[in-house]
C-alpha atoms as a PDB file:
ATOM      1  CA  MET A   1      13.044  -8.331 -20.403  1.00  0.00           C
ATOM      2  CA  GLU A   2       9.848  -9.775 -19.683  1.00  0.00           C
ATOM      3  CA  GLU A   3       7.811  -9.015 -16.584  1.00  0.00           C
ATOM      4  CA  ILE A   4       5.326 -10.774 -14.359  1.00  0.00           C
ATOM      5  CA  MET A   5       2.519  -7.868 -14.367  1.00  0.00           C
ATOM      6  CA  ARG A   6       3.652  -4.635 -14.417  1.00  0.00           C
ATOM      7  CA  PRO A   7       5.720  -2.578 -11.933  1.00  0.00           C
ATOM      8  CA  ARG A   8       3.626  -0.054  -9.594  1.00  0.00           C
ATOM      9  CA  ARG A   9       5.987   2.847  -9.391  1.00  0.00           C
ATOM     10  CA  ALA A  10       5.610   6.259  -7.865  1.00  0.00           C
ATOM     11  CA  ALA A  11       4.095   7.631 -10.910  1.00  0.00           C
ATOM     12  CA  ALA A  12       1.680   4.452 -11.452  1.00  0.00           C
ATOM     13  CA  ALA A  13       0.657   4.666  -8.078  1.00  0.00           C
ATOM     14  CA  PHE A  14      -0.690   8.145  -8.507  1.00  0.00           C
ATOM     15  CA  ALA A  15      -3.116   6.697 -11.249  1.00  0.00           C
ATOM     16  CA  PHE A  16      -4.874   4.376  -8.513  1.00  0.00           C
ATOM     17  CA  VAL A  17      -5.566   7.360  -6.045  1.00  0.00           C
ATOM     18  CA  ALA A  18      -6.854   9.359  -9.193  1.00  0.00           C
ATOM     19  CA  ALA A  19      -9.277   6.405  -9.753  1.00  0.00           C
ATOM     20  CA  LEU A  20     -10.259   6.616  -6.246  1.00  0.00           C
ATOM     21  CA  LEU A  21     -11.007  10.200  -6.470  1.00  0.00           C
ATOM     22  CA  CYS A  22     -13.191   9.495  -9.616  1.00  0.00           C
ATOM     23  CA  GLY A  23     -14.718   6.620  -7.737  1.00  0.00           C
ATOM     24  CA  SER A  24     -13.897   4.071 -10.372  1.00  0.00           C
ATOM     25  CA  ILE A  25     -11.974   1.691  -8.079  1.00  0.00           C
ATOM     26  CA  ALA A  26     -13.652  -1.857  -6.921  1.00  0.00           C
ATOM     27  CA  ALA A  27     -12.172  -4.636  -5.163  1.00  0.00           C
ATOM     28  CA  VAL A  28      -9.964  -6.758  -7.149  1.00  0.00           C
ATOM     29  CA  PRO A  29      -8.742 -10.290  -6.213  1.00  0.00           C
ATOM     30  CA  THR A  30      -4.836 -11.177  -6.102  1.00  0.00           C
ATOM     31  CA  SER A  31      -3.905 -12.377  -9.556  1.00  0.00           C
ATOM     32  CA  VAL A  32      -0.467 -13.649 -11.092  1.00  0.00           C
ATOM     33  CA  ALA A  33       0.164 -13.082 -14.681  1.00  0.00           C
ATOM     34  CA  ALA A  34       0.548 -15.789 -17.263  1.00  0.00           C
ATOM     35  CA  PRO A  35       3.673 -17.348 -18.457  1.00  0.00           C
ATOM     36  CA  TYR A  36       5.883 -15.276 -20.533  1.00  0.00           C
ATOM     37  CA  SER A  37       7.763 -16.260 -24.190  1.00  0.00           C
ATOM     38  CA  ASP A  38      11.322 -15.872 -22.731  1.00  0.00           C
ATOM     39  CA  PRO A  39      11.851 -18.288 -19.881  1.00  0.00           C
ATOM     40  CA  ALA A  40      15.154 -16.613 -18.777  1.00  0.00           C
ATOM     41  CA  ASN A  41      14.547 -12.950 -18.858  1.00  0.00           C
ATOM     42  CA  VAL A  42      11.940 -11.766 -16.336  1.00  0.00           C
ATOM     43  CA  SER A  43      12.878  -8.787 -14.520  1.00  0.00           C
ATOM     44  CA  THR A  44       9.717  -8.110 -12.190  1.00  0.00           C
ATOM     45  CA  VAL A  45       6.974  -9.566 -10.260  1.00  0.00           C
ATOM     46  CA  HIS A  46       3.990  -7.598  -9.193  1.00  0.00           C
ATOM     47  CA  VAL A  47       1.050  -8.741  -6.871  1.00  0.00           C
ATOM     48  CA  GLU A  48      -2.069  -6.595  -5.638  1.00  0.00           C
ATOM     49  CA  SER A  49      -4.581  -7.259  -2.729  1.00  0.00           C
ATOM     50  CA  SER A  50      -7.322  -5.762  -1.754  1.00  0.00           C
ATOM     51  CA  SER A  51      -8.670  -5.876   1.682  1.00  0.00           C
ATOM     52  CA  ALA A  52     -11.738  -3.602   1.560  1.00  0.00           C
ATOM     53  CA  PRO A  53     -13.515  -2.019  -1.534  1.00  0.00           C
ATOM     54  CA  GLN A  54     -11.989   1.182  -0.503  1.00  0.00           C
ATOM     55  CA  TYR A  55      -8.355   0.061   0.624  1.00  0.00           C
ATOM     56  CA  ARG A  56      -5.581  -1.602  -1.768  1.00  0.00           C
ATOM     57  CA  SER A  57      -2.111  -2.509  -1.260  1.00  0.00           C
ATOM     58  CA  SER A  58       0.452  -3.908  -3.860  1.00  0.00           C
ATOM     59  CA  ILE A  59       4.175  -5.337  -3.724  1.00  0.00           C
ATOM     60  CA  ASP A  60       6.362  -4.838  -6.402  1.00  0.00           C
ATOM     61  CA  LEU A  61      10.004  -6.830  -6.875  1.00  0.00           C
ATOM     62  CA  LYS A  62      12.552  -6.114  -9.388  1.00  0.00           C
ATOM     63  CA  PHE A  63      15.604  -7.983  -9.771  1.00  0.00           C
ATOM     64  CA  ASP A  64      19.047  -7.351 -10.294  1.00  0.00           C
ATOM     65  CA  GLN A  65      19.610 -10.170 -12.537  1.00  0.00           C
ATOM     66  CA  PRO A  66      17.097 -11.811 -14.871  1.00  0.00           C
ATOM     67  CA  ILE A  67      15.142 -14.695 -13.694  1.00  0.00           C
ATOM     68  CA  SER A  68      13.139 -17.467 -15.375  1.00  0.00           C
ATOM     69  CA  VAL A  69       9.210 -17.562 -15.624  1.00  0.00           C
ATOM     70  CA  GLN A  70       9.126 -20.329 -13.408  1.00  0.00           C
ATOM     71  CA  ALA A  71      11.088 -19.033 -10.391  1.00  0.00           C
ATOM     72  CA  ALA A  72       9.351 -15.575 -10.927  1.00  0.00           C
ATOM     73  CA  ASN A  73       5.633 -17.473 -11.021  1.00  0.00           C
ATOM     74  CA  GLY A  74       6.937 -19.103  -7.664  1.00  0.00           C
ATOM     75  CA  TYR A  75       7.808 -16.029  -5.686  1.00  0.00           C
ATOM     76  CA  ALA A  76       4.410 -14.321  -7.271  1.00  0.00           C
ATOM     77  CA  ASN A  77       2.330 -17.105  -6.031  1.00  0.00           C
ATOM     78  CA  GLN A  78       4.300 -16.932  -2.598  1.00  0.00           C
ATOM     79  CA  LEU A  79       3.504 -13.116  -2.288  1.00  0.00           C
ATOM     80  CA  ALA A  80      -0.061 -13.705  -3.541  1.00  0.00           C
ATOM     81  CA  ASP A  81      -0.326 -16.188  -0.521  1.00  0.00           C
ATOM     82  CA  SER A  82       0.611 -14.012   1.802  1.00  0.00           C
ATOM     83  CA  LEU A  83      -1.329 -11.102   0.798  1.00  0.00           C
ATOM     84  CA  ARG A  84      -4.537 -12.932   0.763  1.00  0.00           C
ATOM     85  CA  PRO A  85      -6.887 -10.198   2.566  1.00  0.00           C
ATOM     86  CA  VAL A  86      -7.173 -10.596   6.457  1.00  0.00           C
ATOM     87  CA  LYS A  87      -9.265  -7.449   7.665  1.00  0.00           C
ATOM     88  CA  ALA A  88     -10.205  -6.351  11.055  1.00  0.00           C
ATOM     89  CA  ALA A  89     -13.393  -4.571  10.664  1.00  0.00           C
ATOM     90  CA  PRO A  90     -13.117  -0.589  11.259  1.00  0.00           C
ATOM     91  CA  GLN A  91     -15.586   0.936  14.068  1.00  0.00           C
ATOM     92  CA  LEU A  92     -17.949   2.293  11.375  1.00  0.00           C
ATOM     93  CA  GLY A  93     -16.679   0.048   8.682  1.00  0.00           C
ATOM     94  CA  PRO A  94     -13.992   0.629   6.139  1.00  0.00           C
ATOM     95  CA  GLU A  95     -15.560   3.941   4.483  1.00  0.00           C
ATOM     96  CA  TYR A  96     -16.440   6.139   7.498  1.00  0.00           C
ATOM     97  CA  ILE A  97     -14.842   7.108  10.560  1.00  0.00           C
ATOM     98  CA  SER A  98     -16.236   9.383  13.378  1.00  0.00           C
ATOM     99  CA  CYS A  99     -14.909  11.990  15.713  1.00  0.00           C
ATOM    100  CA  GLY A 100     -13.020  10.120  18.445  1.00  0.00           C
ATOM    101  CA  GLY A 101     -13.053   6.774  16.247  1.00  0.00           C
ATOM    102  CA  SER A 102     -10.497   4.617  14.555  1.00  0.00           C
ATOM    103  CA  GLY A 103     -10.054   1.937  12.169  1.00  0.00           C
ATOM    104  CA  LYS A 104      -7.711  -0.478  10.743  1.00  0.00           C
ATOM    105  CA  TRP A 105      -7.358  -1.935   7.562  1.00  0.00           C
ATOM    106  CA  SER A 106      -4.926  -5.131   7.122  1.00  0.00           C
ATOM    107  CA  ASP A 107      -3.571  -7.773   4.641  1.00  0.00           C
ATOM    108  CA  THR A 108      -0.174  -9.707   5.347  1.00  0.00           C
ATOM    109  CA  ASN A 109       1.240  -7.227   3.221  1.00  0.00           C
ATOM    110  CA  GLY A 110       0.916  -4.621   6.503  1.00  0.00           C
ATOM    111  CA  SER A 111      -1.677  -2.985   8.402  1.00  0.00           C
ATOM    112  CA  LEU A 112      -2.929   0.446   8.408  1.00  0.00           C
ATOM    113  CA  THR A 113      -4.786   2.144  11.395  1.00  0.00           C
ATOM    114  CA  LEU A 114      -6.403   5.499  11.523  1.00  0.00           C
ATOM    115  CA  GLN A 115      -7.501   7.466  14.350  1.00  0.00           C
ATOM    116  CA  TYR A 116      -9.446  10.688  14.077  1.00  0.00           C
ATOM    117  CA  THR A 117      -9.994  13.421  16.416  1.00  0.00           C
ATOM    118  CA  CYS A 118     -12.048  16.758  16.254  1.00  0.00           C
ATOM    119  CA  SER A 119     -10.667  19.564  17.947  1.00  0.00           C
ATOM    120  CA  THR A 120      -9.650  23.132  17.077  1.00  0.00           C
ATOM    121  CA  VAL A 121      -7.759  21.009  14.022  1.00  0.00           C
ATOM    122  CA  ASP A 122      -9.421  18.203  12.927  1.00  0.00           C
ATOM    123  CA  ARG A 123      -6.756  15.651  12.630  1.00  0.00           C
ATOM    124  CA  LEU A 124      -6.611  11.809  11.153  1.00  0.00           C
ATOM    125  CA  ALA A 125      -3.467  10.392  12.553  1.00  0.00           C
ATOM    126  CA  TRP A 126      -2.288   6.984  10.902  1.00  0.00           C
ATOM    127  CA  SER A 127       0.319   4.569  11.237  1.00  0.00           C
ATOM    128  CA  TYR A 128       1.231   1.588   9.171  1.00  0.00           C
ATOM    129  CA  ALA A 129       3.437  -1.562   9.770  1.00  0.00           C
ATOM    130  CA  ILE A 130       5.221  -3.780   7.462  1.00  0.00           C
ATOM    131  CA  SER A 131       3.917  -7.418   8.109  1.00  0.00           C
ATOM    132  CA  ALA A 132       6.356 -10.098   9.130  1.00  0.00           C
ATOM    133  CA  ALA A 133       5.722 -12.054   5.548  1.00  0.00           C
ATOM    134  CA  VAL A 134       7.214  -9.043   3.761  1.00  0.00           C
ATOM    135  CA  LYS A 135       9.916  -8.092   6.567  1.00  0.00           C
ATOM    136  CA  ALA A 136      11.302 -11.585   6.149  1.00  0.00           C
ATOM    137  CA  ILE A 137      12.435 -10.868   2.451  1.00  0.00           C
ATOM    138  CA  ILE A 138      13.393  -7.158   3.258  1.00  0.00           C
ATOM    139  CA  VAL A 139      17.434  -7.003   3.968  1.00  0.00           C
ATOM    140  CA  SER A 140      17.637  -3.034   3.943  1.00  0.00           C
ATOM    141  CA  ASN A 141      16.541  -0.233   5.791  1.00  0.00           C
ATOM    142  CA  ILE A 142      13.223   1.163   4.185  1.00  0.00           C
ATOM    143  CA  ASN A 143      12.319   4.498   2.725  1.00  0.00           C
ATOM    144  CA  GLU A 144       8.580   5.819   2.921  1.00  0.00           C
ATOM    145  CA  GLN A 145       8.186   8.605   0.574  1.00  0.00           C
ATOM    146  CA  GLY A 146       5.624  10.513   2.904  1.00  0.00           C
ATOM    147  CA  LEU A 147       1.988  10.136   2.735  1.00  0.00           C
ATOM    148  CA  ASP A 148       0.033  12.120  -0.063  1.00  0.00           C
ATOM    149  CA  TRP A 149      -3.556  13.066   0.766  1.00  0.00           C
ATOM    150  CA  TRP A 150      -6.734  14.850  -0.546  1.00  0.00           C
ATOM    151  CA  VAL A 151      -9.911  16.493   1.096  1.00  0.00           C
ATOM    152  CA  ASN A 152     -12.797  16.223  -1.408  1.00  0.00           C
ATOM    153  CA  GLY A 153     -10.274  16.080  -4.129  1.00  0.00           C
ATOM    154  CA  VAL A 154      -8.016  18.691  -3.394  1.00  0.00           C
ATOM    155  CA  LYS A 155      -4.334  17.882  -2.809  1.00  0.00           C
ATOM    156  CA  LYS A 156      -3.204  18.495   0.718  1.00  0.00           C
ATOM    157  CA  PRO A 157       0.755  19.093   1.678  1.00  0.00           C
ATOM    158  CA  ARG A 158       2.548  15.678   1.852  1.00  0.00           C
ATOM    159  CA  ASN A 159       3.470  14.344   5.062  1.00  0.00           C
ATOM    160  CA  ALA A 160       7.044  14.274   5.951  1.00  0.00           C
ATOM    161  CA  PRO A 161       9.067  11.292   4.818  1.00  0.00           C
ATOM    162  CA  HIS A 162      10.937   8.284   6.613  1.00  0.00           C
ATOM    163  CA  PRO A 163      13.963   7.783   4.873  1.00  0.00           C
ATOM    164  CA  SER A 164      16.357   5.173   5.559  1.00  0.00           C
ATOM    165  CA  VAL A 165      14.285   3.792   8.602  1.00  0.00           C
ATOM    166  CA  PRO A 166      14.290   0.005  10.076  1.00  0.00           C
ATOM    167  CA  LYS A 167      11.886  -2.490   8.452  1.00  0.00           C
ATOM    168  CA  GLU A 168      10.307  -2.993  11.989  1.00  0.00           C
ATOM    169  CA  TYR A 169       9.750   0.975  12.451  1.00  0.00           C
ATOM    170  CA  LEU A 170       6.229   1.857  12.638  1.00  0.00           C
ATOM    171  CA  LEU A 171       5.382   4.597  10.030  1.00  0.00           C
ATOM    172  CA  HIS A 172       3.114   7.300  10.978  1.00  0.00           C
ATOM    173  CA  GLY A 173       1.799  10.637  10.340  1.00  0.00           C
ATOM    174  CA  THR A 174      -0.973  13.190  10.691  1.00  0.00           C
ATOM    175  CA  MET A 175      -3.667  14.487   8.315  1.00  0.00           C
ATOM    176  CA  SER A 176      -4.385  17.513   9.883  1.00  0.00           C
ATOM    177  CA  GLY A 177      -7.288  19.719   8.731  1.00  0.00           C
ATOM    178  CA  ALA A 178      -9.279  16.637   7.855  1.00  0.00           C
ATOM    179  CA  THR A 179     -12.605  18.239   8.727  1.00  0.00           C
ATOM    180  CA  THR A 180     -15.851  16.285   9.410  1.00  0.00           C
ATOM    181  CA  GLY A 181     -18.170  15.701   6.523  1.00  0.00           C
ATOM    182  CA  THR A 182     -15.184  15.451   3.966  1.00  0.00           C
ATOM    183  CA  GLN A 183     -13.925  12.529   1.785  1.00  0.00           C
ATOM    184  CA  VAL A 184     -10.325  11.825   2.727  1.00  0.00           C
ATOM    185  CA  ASP A 185      -8.172   9.865  -0.130  1.00  0.00           C
ATOM    186  CA  TYR A 186      -4.551   8.732   1.007  1.00  0.00           C
ATOM    187  CA  GLN A 187      -1.617   7.162  -0.614  1.00  0.00           C
ATOM    188  CA  ASP A 188       2.148   5.825   0.170  1.00  0.00           C
ATOM    189  CA  TYR A 189       4.959   3.938  -1.168  1.00  0.00           C
ATOM    190  CA  ILE A 190       7.658   2.200   0.449  1.00  0.00           C
ATOM    191  CA  THR A 191      10.914   1.073  -1.038  1.00  0.00           C
ATOM    192  CA  PHE A 192      13.552  -1.679  -0.081  1.00  0.00           C
ATOM    193  CA  ARG A 193      15.970  -4.324  -0.841  1.00  0.00           C
ATOM    194  CA  HIS A 194      14.979  -7.878  -0.982  1.00  0.00           C
ATOM    195  CA  ASN A 195      16.643 -11.312  -1.166  1.00  0.00           C
ATOM    196  CA  LEU A 196      14.718 -13.552  -3.509  1.00  0.00           C
ATOM    197  CA  GLY A 197      15.795 -14.392  -6.607  1.00  0.00           C
ATOM    198  CA  GLY A 198      19.362 -13.158  -6.378  1.00  0.00           C
ATOM    199  CA  GLY A 199      18.337 -10.000  -4.992  1.00  0.00           C
ATOM    200  CA  GLY A 200      16.688  -6.455  -6.300  1.00  0.00           C
ATOM    201  CA  THR A 201      14.862  -3.738  -5.106  1.00  0.00           C
ATOM    202  CA  GLY A 202      11.156  -4.002  -3.955  1.00  0.00           C
ATOM    203  CA  SER A 203       8.211  -1.387  -3.242  1.00  0.00           C
ATOM    204  CA  ILE A 204       4.931  -1.514  -1.473  1.00  0.00           C
ATOM    205  CA  THR A 205       2.115   0.985  -2.192  1.00  0.00           C
ATOM    206  CA  TRP A 206      -1.207   1.244  -0.287  1.00  0.00           C
ATOM    207  CA  ALA A 207      -3.885   3.643  -0.949  1.00  0.00           C
ATOM    208  CA  GLY A 208      -7.409   4.259   0.155  1.00  0.00           C
ATOM    209  CA  ARG A 209     -10.212   6.571   1.096  1.00  0.00           C
ATOM    210  CA  VAL A 210     -12.395   7.117   4.326  1.00  0.00           C
ATOM    211  CA  HIS A 211     -15.088   9.533   5.035  1.00  0.00           C
ATOM    212  CA  THR A 212     -15.182  11.707   8.092  1.00  0.00           C
ATOM    213  CA  LEU A 213     -18.108  11.930  10.208  1.00  0.00           C
ATOM    214  CA  GLU A 214     -19.005  14.385  13.278  1.00  0.00           C
ATOM    215  CA  ASP A 215     -20.244  11.649  15.341  1.00  0.00           C
END
């Protein structure tokens, strides 16, 4: 089966965060693959969007039955249009957040909000909402694997997952122990059923980095 771009499954998504940890990720414009040789055997559409140099989200659609390249390119372009970056500037810009501060990163794939609290245990709370454009193609509950995160490259315990919750649900969690003066990397993965091209499975991957400041 042919693919429009490559699927971004959980394992592949970890490569993105590994690149973030190495400081090698740069903003990449939304792109759609060129036509393929088999016009009736496309299995996957992948569209990636970047809304800040240190934040990226992508969406993948797998189809239960093969579709034509023409149809797949149409869906990819539809998703690409919905993923055009629309960023609300965080308090200190997309790379830094101070005690008591908050930040928001958005494309129409979804919106991430971070809130930083400094106390006995420093906490970086997060919430993520799927956009209306993506919710429109979701025909099931969603499954969120639980946020993975790192402090200065050291893996921390995964946040609790949210299995089988409504697509309108505000996903949320806390990165406890994100002390000031550190680099925090994070990544999450959400799956669902979609109604395009006869239906299939879909996923959203979002990941990024923030530097914590005392004030």
